[in-house]
Amino acid sequence: MGRVSGKVALVTGAASGLGKADASALVREGASVVITDINEAAGRALEAELNAARAGSTLFLVHDVSSESRWQEVFAETRRRFGGLHVLVNNAGMVVIGTPESATLDQFHAHLRVMTDSVFLACKYGIPVMKESGGGSIINMCSTATHLGYPVFYAYSAAKGAVRSMTKAIAVHCQMNNYNVRCNSIHAGAIETPMVVKATAELGMSMSVYNTAVGLGKPEDVANLVVYLASDESRFVNATEIVIDNGLIAQ
């Protein structure tokens, strides 16, 4: 317990799935956490749940991660409430089924706004706050889709591929400027989240399909890795991509 005590974290897309597990684990390990999402009802419910576990630990903010002005407001409110920022988890995501031929340009741009523009904006306005706070850790949620060919997740894969490359540039920029800010990406395989369940159903598949391959991970499996990257235990882990897929890519 207490692996991230004294740290302030911000987790996007935190109302469900991986973001919810990440926020819960960070609060459990001692961090003060700002959780953001467009789903206000679920976000408020999680805020109440985490504050019941540890009073004053959590703040929920409604947040469209593609909005530049809203990012500025979120960081300003984070500083006002908790005094700074040490951990930034860029988790907000979406997926619409579509191949290179069937995906529309609007769908492609929507994926870029939610998962690529958001990381651009988060780091543009978040790095100065983290620098002023003494440094910290940026954790970008990616996917094994950046390593494998998934035609039905064409736009999703493109957006996550951009984040994979951005992660290294962010890390090197901060290192070259002595900001004491690390940046890494997490590439998860099949994890049992509402988004994965929905996409699997839309493809006409049963979740049991994963049992014949490498199995299905839990959000907590990824959250444990987030806590490690958020903590000082990972102080020498930087500009890297960590795959958590139970051997999916290897197979």
C-alpha atoms as a PDB file:
ATOM      1  CA  MET A   1       0.000   0.000   0.000  1.00  0.00           C
ATOM      2  CA  GLY A   2       1.043   3.591  -0.536  1.00  0.00           C
ATOM      3  CA  ARG A   3       3.138   3.047  -3.666  1.00  0.00           C
ATOM      4  CA  VAL A   4       1.963   6.375  -5.127  1.00  0.00           C
ATOM      5  CA  SER A   5       1.216   8.280  -1.911  1.00  0.00           C
ATOM      6  CA  GLY A   6       1.549  12.031  -2.312  1.00  0.00           C
ATOM      7  CA  LYS A   7       1.133  11.911  -6.088  1.00  0.00           C
ATOM      8  CA  VAL A   8      -1.644  13.563  -8.089  1.00  0.00           C
ATOM      9  CA  ALA A   9      -2.932  11.599 -11.078  1.00  0.00           C
ATOM     10  CA  LEU A  10      -5.322  12.335 -13.922  1.00  0.00           C
ATOM     11  CA  VAL A  11      -7.044   9.475 -15.758  1.00  0.00           C
ATOM     12  CA  THR A  12      -9.147  10.079 -18.881  1.00  0.00           C
ATOM     13  CA  GLY A  13     -11.979   7.781 -19.917  1.00  0.00           C
ATOM     14  CA  ALA A  14     -12.195   6.740 -16.292  1.00  0.00           C
ATOM     15  CA  ALA A  15     -15.915   6.044 -15.951  1.00  0.00           C
ATOM     16  CA  SER A  16     -15.617   2.408 -17.041  1.00  0.00           C
ATOM     17  CA  GLY A  17     -13.290  -0.328 -18.221  1.00  0.00           C
ATOM     18  CA  LEU A  18      -9.545   0.181 -18.016  1.00  0.00           C
ATOM     19  CA  GLY A  19      -9.817   3.786 -16.842  1.00  0.00           C
ATOM     20  CA  LYS A  20     -12.033   2.843 -13.928  1.00  0.00           C
ATOM     21  CA  ALA A  21      -9.636   0.089 -12.862  1.00  0.00           C
ATOM     22  CA  ASP A  22      -6.655   2.435 -13.230  1.00  0.00           C
ATOM     23  CA  ALA A  23      -8.257   5.157 -11.113  1.00  0.00           C
ATOM     24  CA  SER A  24      -9.345   2.682  -8.441  1.00  0.00           C
ATOM     25  CA  ALA A  25      -5.865   1.170  -8.181  1.00  0.00           C
ATOM     26  CA  LEU A  26      -4.181   4.587  -7.967  1.00  0.00           C
ATOM     27  CA  VAL A  27      -6.534   5.701  -5.182  1.00  0.00           C
ATOM     28  CA  ARG A  28      -5.971   2.430  -3.331  1.00  0.00           C
ATOM     29  CA  GLU A  29      -2.207   2.990  -3.513  1.00  0.00           C
ATOM     30  CA  GLY A  30      -2.435   6.514  -2.090  1.00  0.00           C
ATOM     31  CA  ALA A  31      -2.753   8.938  -5.005  1.00  0.00           C
ATOM     32  CA  SER A  32      -5.173  11.823  -5.331  1.00  0.00           C
ATOM     33  CA  VAL A  33      -6.948  11.250  -8.643  1.00  0.00           C
ATOM     34  CA  VAL A  34      -8.828  13.405 -11.109  1.00  0.00           C
ATOM     35  CA  ILE A  35     -11.095  11.182 -13.202  1.00  0.00           C
ATOM     36  CA  THR A  36     -12.563  12.501 -16.444  1.00  0.00           C
ATOM     37  CA  ASP A  37     -15.108  11.185 -18.925  1.00  0.00           C
ATOM     38  CA  ILE A  38     -18.023  12.254 -21.121  1.00  0.00           C
ATOM     39  CA  ASN A  39     -20.267   9.834 -19.189  1.00  0.00           C
ATOM     40  CA  GLU A  40     -21.227  12.078 -16.287  1.00  0.00           C
ATOM     41  CA  ALA A  41     -23.526   9.637 -14.475  1.00  0.00           C
ATOM     42  CA  ALA A  42     -20.931   6.849 -14.350  1.00  0.00           C
ATOM     43  CA  GLY A  43     -18.164   9.312 -13.544  1.00  0.00           C
ATOM     44  CA  ARG A  44     -20.066  10.791 -10.594  1.00  0.00           C
ATOM     45  CA  ALA A  45     -20.825   7.291  -9.319  1.00  0.00           C
ATOM     46  CA  LEU A  46     -17.147   6.326  -9.397  1.00  0.00           C
ATOM     47  CA  GLU A  47     -16.191   9.608  -7.711  1.00  0.00           C
ATOM     48  CA  ALA A  48     -18.570   8.835  -4.859  1.00  0.00           C
ATOM     49  CA  GLU A  49     -17.318   5.251  -4.579  1.00  0.00           C
ATOM     50  CA  LEU A  50     -13.643   6.237  -4.422  1.00  0.00           C
ATOM     51  CA  ASN A  51     -14.244   9.112  -2.011  1.00  0.00           C
ATOM     52  CA  ALA A  52     -16.126   6.688   0.224  1.00  0.00           C
ATOM     53  CA  ALA A  53     -13.038   4.474   0.222  1.00  0.00           C
ATOM     54  CA  ARG A  54     -10.744   7.418   0.971  1.00  0.00           C
ATOM     55  CA  ALA A  55     -12.308  10.812   1.663  1.00  0.00           C
ATOM     56  CA  GLY A  56     -11.180  13.648  -0.586  1.00  0.00           C
ATOM     57  CA  SER A  57      -9.149  11.382  -2.843  1.00  0.00           C
ATOM     58  CA  THR A  58     -11.069  11.828  -6.072  1.00  0.00           C
ATOM     59  CA  LEU A  59     -12.480  14.566  -8.285  1.00  0.00           C
ATOM     60  CA  PHE A  60     -14.639  13.902 -11.351  1.00  0.00           C
ATOM     61  CA  LEU A  61     -14.746  16.314 -14.276  1.00  0.00           C
ATOM     62  CA  VAL A  62     -16.847  16.056 -17.433  1.00  0.00           C
ATOM     63  CA  HIS A  63     -14.290  16.065 -20.226  1.00  0.00           C
ATOM     64  CA  ASP A  64     -14.389  15.929 -24.024  1.00  0.00           C
ATOM     65  CA  VAL A  65     -10.756  14.942 -24.619  1.00  0.00           C
ATOM     66  CA  SER A  66     -10.812  16.341 -28.168  1.00  0.00           C
ATOM     67  CA  SER A  67     -11.489  19.878 -26.892  1.00  0.00           C
ATOM     68  CA  GLU A  68      -8.416  22.075 -26.483  1.00  0.00           C
ATOM     69  CA  SER A  69     -10.145  24.579 -24.213  1.00  0.00           C
ATOM     70  CA  ARG A  70     -11.524  21.825 -21.994  1.00  0.00           C
ATOM     71  CA  TRP A  71      -8.037  20.370 -21.497  1.00  0.00           C
ATOM     72  CA  GLN A  72      -6.842  23.766 -20.288  1.00  0.00           C
ATOM     73  CA  GLU A  73      -9.776  23.965 -17.875  1.00  0.00           C
ATOM     74  CA  VAL A  74      -9.196  20.429 -16.575  1.00  0.00           C
ATOM     75  CA  PHE A  75      -5.553  21.109 -15.799  1.00  0.00           C
ATOM     76  CA  ALA A  76      -6.434  24.413 -14.125  1.00  0.00           C
ATOM     77  CA  GLU A  77      -9.006  22.659 -11.924  1.00  0.00           C
ATOM     78  CA  THR A  78      -6.529  19.860 -11.123  1.00  0.00           C
ATOM     79  CA  ARG A  79      -4.007  22.409  -9.899  1.00  0.00           C
ATOM     80  CA  ARG A  80      -6.637  24.269  -7.919  1.00  0.00           C
ATOM     81  CA  ARG A  81      -7.925  21.140  -6.200  1.00  0.00           C
ATOM     82  CA  PHE A  82      -4.734  19.133  -5.661  1.00  0.00           C
ATOM     83  CA  GLY A  83      -1.877  21.576  -6.263  1.00  0.00           C
ATOM     84  CA  GLY A  84      -0.152  19.943  -9.229  1.00  0.00           C
ATOM     85  CA  LEU A  85       0.126  16.826 -11.371  1.00  0.00           C
ATOM     86  CA  HIS A  86       2.525  13.860 -11.302  1.00  0.00           C
ATOM     87  CA  VAL A  87       0.761  11.109 -13.263  1.00  0.00           C
ATOM     88  CA  LEU A  88      -1.142  11.469 -16.550  1.00  0.00           C
ATOM     89  CA  VAL A  89      -2.958   8.392 -17.883  1.00  0.00           C
ATOM     90  CA  ASN A  90      -4.219   8.949 -21.437  1.00  0.00           C
ATOM     91  CA  ASN A  91      -6.805   6.195 -21.515  1.00  0.00           C
ATOM     92  CA  ALA A  92      -9.901   7.600 -23.282  1.00  0.00           C
ATOM     93  CA  GLY A  93     -10.743   5.542 -26.349  1.00  0.00           C
ATOM     94  CA  MET A  94     -13.332   4.357 -28.843  1.00  0.00           C
ATOM     95  CA  VAL A  95     -13.664   1.725 -31.520  1.00  0.00           C
ATOM     96  CA  VAL A  96     -15.947   1.480 -34.544  1.00  0.00           C
ATOM     97  CA  ILE A  97     -15.742  -1.619 -36.717  1.00  0.00           C
ATOM     98  CA  GLY A  98     -14.446  -0.799 -40.175  1.00  0.00           C
ATOM     99  CA  THR A  99     -11.960  -2.169 -42.719  1.00  0.00           C
ATOM    100  CA  PRO A 100      -9.733  -0.153 -45.080  1.00  0.00           C
ATOM    101  CA  GLU A 101     -12.609  -0.288 -47.585  1.00  0.00           C
ATOM    102  CA  SER A 102     -15.658   0.060 -45.349  1.00  0.00           C
ATOM    103  CA  ALA A 103     -14.506   2.663 -42.799  1.00  0.00           C
ATOM    104  CA  THR A 104     -15.707   6.203 -43.497  1.00  0.00           C
ATOM    105  CA  LEU A 105     -13.575   9.317 -43.319  1.00  0.00           C
ATOM    106  CA  ASP A 106     -15.758  10.617 -40.465  1.00  0.00           C
ATOM    107  CA  GLN A 107     -15.133   7.416 -38.497  1.00  0.00           C
ATOM    108  CA  PHE A 108     -11.405   7.683 -39.167  1.00  0.00           C
ATOM    109  CA  HIS A 109     -11.277  11.292 -37.985  1.00  0.00           C
ATOM    110  CA  ALA A 110     -13.367  10.472 -34.893  1.00  0.00           C
ATOM    111  CA  HIS A 111     -10.789   7.894 -33.790  1.00  0.00           C
ATOM    112  CA  LEU A 112      -7.984  10.389 -34.325  1.00  0.00           C
ATOM    113  CA  ARG A 113      -9.776  13.087 -32.316  1.00  0.00           C
ATOM    114  CA  VAL A 114     -10.487  10.843 -29.329  1.00  0.00           C
ATOM    115  CA  MET A 115      -7.213   8.927 -29.177  1.00  0.00           C
ATOM    116  CA  THR A 116      -4.564  10.967 -30.995  1.00  0.00           C
ATOM    117  CA  ASP A 117      -5.609  14.606 -30.652  1.00  0.00           C
ATOM    118  CA  SER A 118      -6.306  13.932 -26.974  1.00  0.00           C
ATOM    119  CA  VAL A 119      -2.748  12.748 -26.322  1.00  0.00           C
ATOM    120  CA  PHE A 120      -1.368  15.726 -28.248  1.00  0.00           C
ATOM    121  CA  LEU A 121      -3.426  18.145 -26.149  1.00  0.00           C
ATOM    122  CA  ALA A 122      -2.840  16.304 -22.876  1.00  0.00           C
ATOM    123  CA  CYS A 123       0.910  16.514 -23.290  1.00  0.00           C
ATOM    124  CA  LYS A 124       0.996  20.030 -24.745  1.00  0.00           C
ATOM    125  CA  TYR A 125      -0.773  21.438 -21.689  1.00  0.00           C
ATOM    126  CA  GLY A 126       0.082  18.747 -19.139  1.00  0.00           C
ATOM    127  CA  ILE A 127       3.864  18.644 -19.454  1.00  0.00           C
ATOM    128  CA  PRO A 128       4.303  22.211 -18.112  1.00  0.00           C
ATOM    129  CA  VAL A 129       2.133  21.349 -15.088  1.00  0.00           C
ATOM    130  CA  MET A 130       4.082  18.161 -14.408  1.00  0.00           C
ATOM    131  CA  LYS A 131       7.371  19.996 -14.820  1.00  0.00           C
ATOM    132  CA  GLU A 132       6.291  22.589 -12.256  1.00  0.00           C
ATOM    133  CA  SER A 133       5.217  19.748  -9.937  1.00  0.00           C
ATOM    134  CA  GLY A 134       8.711  18.232  -9.931  1.00  0.00           C
ATOM    135  CA  GLY A 135       8.193  15.700 -12.704  1.00  0.00           C
ATOM    136  CA  GLY A 136       6.259  12.503 -13.108  1.00  0.00           C
ATOM    137  CA  SER A 137       4.995   9.834 -15.460  1.00  0.00           C
ATOM    138  CA  ILE A 138       2.857   9.972 -18.610  1.00  0.00           C
ATOM    139  CA  ILE A 139       1.193   6.652 -19.429  1.00  0.00           C
ATOM    140  CA  ASN A 140      -0.368   6.288 -22.871  1.00  0.00           C
ATOM    141  CA  MET A 141      -2.795   3.433 -23.414  1.00  0.00           C
ATOM    142  CA  CYS A 142      -2.041   1.766 -26.725  1.00  0.00           C
ATOM    143  CA  SER A 143      -2.886  -1.716 -27.983  1.00  0.00           C
ATOM    144  CA  THR A 144      -1.510  -4.872 -29.560  1.00  0.00           C
ATOM    145  CA  ALA A 145      -3.317  -3.508 -32.624  1.00  0.00           C
ATOM    146  CA  THR A 146      -0.159  -1.442 -33.181  1.00  0.00           C
ATOM    147  CA  HIS A 147       1.823  -4.680 -33.626  1.00  0.00           C
ATOM    148  CA  LEU A 148      -0.674  -6.870 -35.479  1.00  0.00           C
ATOM    149  CA  GLY A 149      -2.865  -6.553 -38.558  1.00  0.00           C
ATOM    150  CA  TYR A 150      -6.531  -6.128 -37.583  1.00  0.00           C
ATOM    151  CA  PRO A 151      -8.403  -5.036 -40.737  1.00  0.00           C
ATOM    152  CA  VAL A 152     -11.714  -4.609 -38.880  1.00  0.00           C
ATOM    153  CA  PHE A 153     -10.077  -2.177 -36.451  1.00  0.00           C
ATOM    154  CA  TYR A 154      -8.471  -0.091 -39.189  1.00  0.00           C
ATOM    155  CA  ALA A 155      -9.110   3.430 -37.830  1.00  0.00           C
ATOM    156  CA  TYR A 156      -8.514   2.328 -34.240  1.00  0.00           C
ATOM    157  CA  SER A 157      -5.160   0.792 -35.202  1.00  0.00           C
ATOM    158  CA  ALA A 158      -4.116   3.956 -37.039  1.00  0.00           C
ATOM    159  CA  ALA A 159      -4.906   6.179 -34.050  1.00  0.00           C
ATOM    160  CA  LYS A 160      -3.100   3.911 -31.602  1.00  0.00           C
ATOM    161  CA  GLY A 161      -0.137   3.628 -33.968  1.00  0.00           C
ATOM    162  CA  ALA A 162       0.243   7.384 -33.879  1.00  0.00           C
ATOM    163  CA  VAL A 163       0.195   7.348 -30.073  1.00  0.00           C
ATOM    164  CA  ARG A 164       2.885   4.638 -30.081  1.00  0.00           C
ATOM    165  CA  SER A 165       5.199   6.944 -32.032  1.00  0.00           C
ATOM    166  CA  MET A 166       4.214  10.071 -30.109  1.00  0.00           C
ATOM    167  CA  THR A 167       5.114   8.358 -26.836  1.00  0.00           C
ATOM    168  CA  LYS A 168       8.781   8.076 -27.770  1.00  0.00           C
ATOM    169  CA  ALA A 169       8.980  11.658 -29.023  1.00  0.00           C
ATOM    170  CA  ILE A 170       7.354  12.937 -25.814  1.00  0.00           C
ATOM    171  CA  ALA A 171       9.762  10.940 -23.656  1.00  0.00           C
ATOM    172  CA  VAL A 172      12.859  12.125 -25.500  1.00  0.00           C
ATOM    173  CA  HIS A 173      11.666  15.750 -25.514  1.00  0.00           C
ATOM    174  CA  CYS A 174      11.202  15.723 -21.751  1.00  0.00           C
ATOM    175  CA  GLN A 175      14.510  13.961 -21.170  1.00  0.00           C
ATOM    176  CA  MET A 176      16.467  16.356 -23.409  1.00  0.00           C
ATOM    177  CA  ASN A 177      15.006  19.294 -21.488  1.00  0.00           C
ATOM    178  CA  ASN A 178      15.638  17.743 -18.047  1.00  0.00           C
ATOM    179  CA  TYR A 179      11.948  17.875 -17.081  1.00  0.00           C
ATOM    180  CA  ASN A 180      12.071  14.655 -15.023  1.00  0.00           C
ATOM    181  CA  VAL A 181       8.942  13.511 -16.893  1.00  0.00           C
ATOM    182  CA  ARG A 182       8.867   9.948 -18.243  1.00  0.00           C
ATOM    183  CA  CYS A 183       6.511   8.684 -20.954  1.00  0.00           C
ATOM    184  CA  ASN A 184       5.656   5.069 -21.758  1.00  0.00           C
ATOM    185  CA  SER A 185       2.939   3.205 -23.627  1.00  0.00           C
ATOM    186  CA  ILE A 186       0.960   0.136 -22.586  1.00  0.00           C
ATOM    187  CA  HIS A 187      -0.095  -2.287 -25.319  1.00  0.00           C
ATOM    188  CA  ALA A 188      -2.856  -4.499 -23.977  1.00  0.00           C
ATOM    189  CA  GLY A 189      -4.284  -7.517 -25.733  1.00  0.00           C
ATOM    190  CA  ALA A 190      -7.761  -8.912 -25.129  1.00  0.00           C
ATOM    191  CA  ILE A 191      -9.044  -7.369 -21.896  1.00  0.00           C
ATOM    192  CA  GLU A 192     -12.600  -7.810 -20.647  1.00  0.00           C
ATOM    193  CA  THR A 193     -13.916  -4.257 -20.900  1.00  0.00           C
ATOM    194  CA  PRO A 194     -17.279  -2.898 -22.098  1.00  0.00           C
ATOM    195  CA  MET A 195     -15.593  -1.692 -25.312  1.00  0.00           C
ATOM    196  CA  VAL A 196     -14.145  -5.133 -26.096  1.00  0.00           C
ATOM    197  CA  VAL A 197     -17.416  -6.885 -25.247  1.00  0.00           C
ATOM    198  CA  LYS A 198     -19.348  -4.523 -27.547  1.00  0.00           C
ATOM    199  CA  ALA A 199     -16.886  -4.856 -30.437  1.00  0.00           C
ATOM    200  CA  THR A 200     -16.850  -8.648 -30.125  1.00  0.00           C
ATOM    201  CA  ALA A 201     -20.669  -8.748 -30.243  1.00  0.00           C
ATOM    202  CA  GLU A 202     -20.733  -6.471 -33.295  1.00  0.00           C
ATOM    203  CA  LEU A 203     -18.402  -8.886 -35.074  1.00  0.00           C
ATOM    204  CA  GLY A 204     -20.831 -11.724 -34.311  1.00  0.00           C
ATOM    205  CA  MET A 205     -18.387 -13.458 -32.001  1.00  0.00           C
ATOM    206  CA  SER A 206     -18.743 -14.929 -28.543  1.00  0.00           C
ATOM    207  CA  MET A 207     -16.396 -13.841 -25.769  1.00  0.00           C
ATOM    208  CA  SER A 208     -15.584 -17.541 -25.374  1.00  0.00           C
ATOM    209  CA  VAL A 209     -13.426 -17.259 -28.507  1.00  0.00           C
ATOM    210  CA  TYR A 210     -10.638 -15.897 -26.314  1.00  0.00           C
ATOM    211  CA  ASN A 211     -10.586 -19.019 -24.169  1.00  0.00           C
ATOM    212  CA  THR A 212      -9.230 -21.025 -27.110  1.00  0.00           C
ATOM    213  CA  ALA A 213      -6.354 -18.608 -27.678  1.00  0.00           C
ATOM    214  CA  VAL A 214      -4.520 -16.769 -24.897  1.00  0.00           C
ATOM    215  CA  GLY A 215      -7.422 -16.092 -22.593  1.00  0.00           C
ATOM    216  CA  LEU A 216      -9.074 -12.855 -21.574  1.00  0.00           C
ATOM    217  CA  GLY A 217      -7.376 -10.414 -19.244  1.00  0.00           C
ATOM    218  CA  LYS A 218      -9.054  -8.315 -16.561  1.00  0.00           C
ATOM    219  CA  PRO A 219      -8.861  -4.514 -16.285  1.00  0.00           C
ATOM    220  CA  GLU A 220      -7.046  -4.993 -12.981  1.00  0.00           C
ATOM    221  CA  ASP A 221      -4.196  -6.733 -14.830  1.00  0.00           C
ATOM    222  CA  VAL A 222      -3.527  -3.506 -16.713  1.00  0.00           C
ATOM    223  CA  ALA A 223      -4.173  -1.318 -13.662  1.00  0.00           C
ATOM    224  CA  ASN A 224      -1.382  -3.098 -11.778  1.00  0.00           C
ATOM    225  CA  LEU A 225       1.012  -2.092 -14.544  1.00  0.00           C
ATOM    226  CA  VAL A 226      -0.283   1.495 -14.458  1.00  0.00           C
ATOM    227  CA  VAL A 227       0.487   1.706 -10.735  1.00  0.00           C
ATOM    228  CA  TYR A 228       4.032   0.476 -11.396  1.00  0.00           C
ATOM    229  CA  LEU A 229       4.620   3.051 -14.141  1.00  0.00           C
ATOM    230  CA  ALA A 230       3.090   5.790 -11.984  1.00  0.00           C
ATOM    231  CA  SER A 231       5.326   4.934  -9.035  1.00  0.00           C
ATOM    232  CA  ASP A 232       8.983   5.721  -8.421  1.00  0.00           C
ATOM    233  CA  GLU A 233       9.674   1.997  -8.773  1.00  0.00           C
ATOM    234  CA  SER A 234       9.782   2.568 -12.545  1.00  0.00           C
ATOM    235  CA  ARG A 235      12.029   5.648 -12.436  1.00  0.00           C
ATOM    236  CA  PHE A 236      14.397   4.121 -15.053  1.00  0.00           C
ATOM    237  CA  VAL A 237      11.613   2.967 -17.397  1.00  0.00           C
ATOM    238  CA  ASN A 238      11.213   5.545 -20.139  1.00  0.00           C
ATOM    239  CA  ALA A 239      10.305   5.812 -23.855  1.00  0.00           C
ATOM    240  CA  THR A 240       9.335   2.163 -23.949  1.00  0.00           C
ATOM    241  CA  GLU A 241       6.278   0.148 -24.904  1.00  0.00           C
ATOM    242  CA  ILE A 242       5.118  -2.564 -22.542  1.00  0.00           C
ATOM    243  CA  VAL A 243       3.001  -5.368 -23.974  1.00  0.00           C
ATOM    244  CA  ILE A 244       0.516  -7.074 -21.666  1.00  0.00           C
ATOM    245  CA  ASP A 245      -1.167  -9.773 -23.748  1.00  0.00           C
ATOM    246  CA  ASN A 246      -0.386 -13.204 -22.247  1.00  0.00           C
ATOM    247  CA  GLY A 247       1.700 -14.100 -25.291  1.00  0.00           C
ATOM    248  CA  LEU A 248      -0.779 -13.040 -28.004  1.00  0.00           C
ATOM    249  CA  ILE A 249       1.823 -11.352 -30.216  1.00  0.00           C
ATOM    250  CA  ALA A 250       4.298 -14.199 -29.720  1.00  0.00           C
ATOM    251  CA  GLN A 251       1.719 -16.689 -30.986  1.00  0.00           C
END
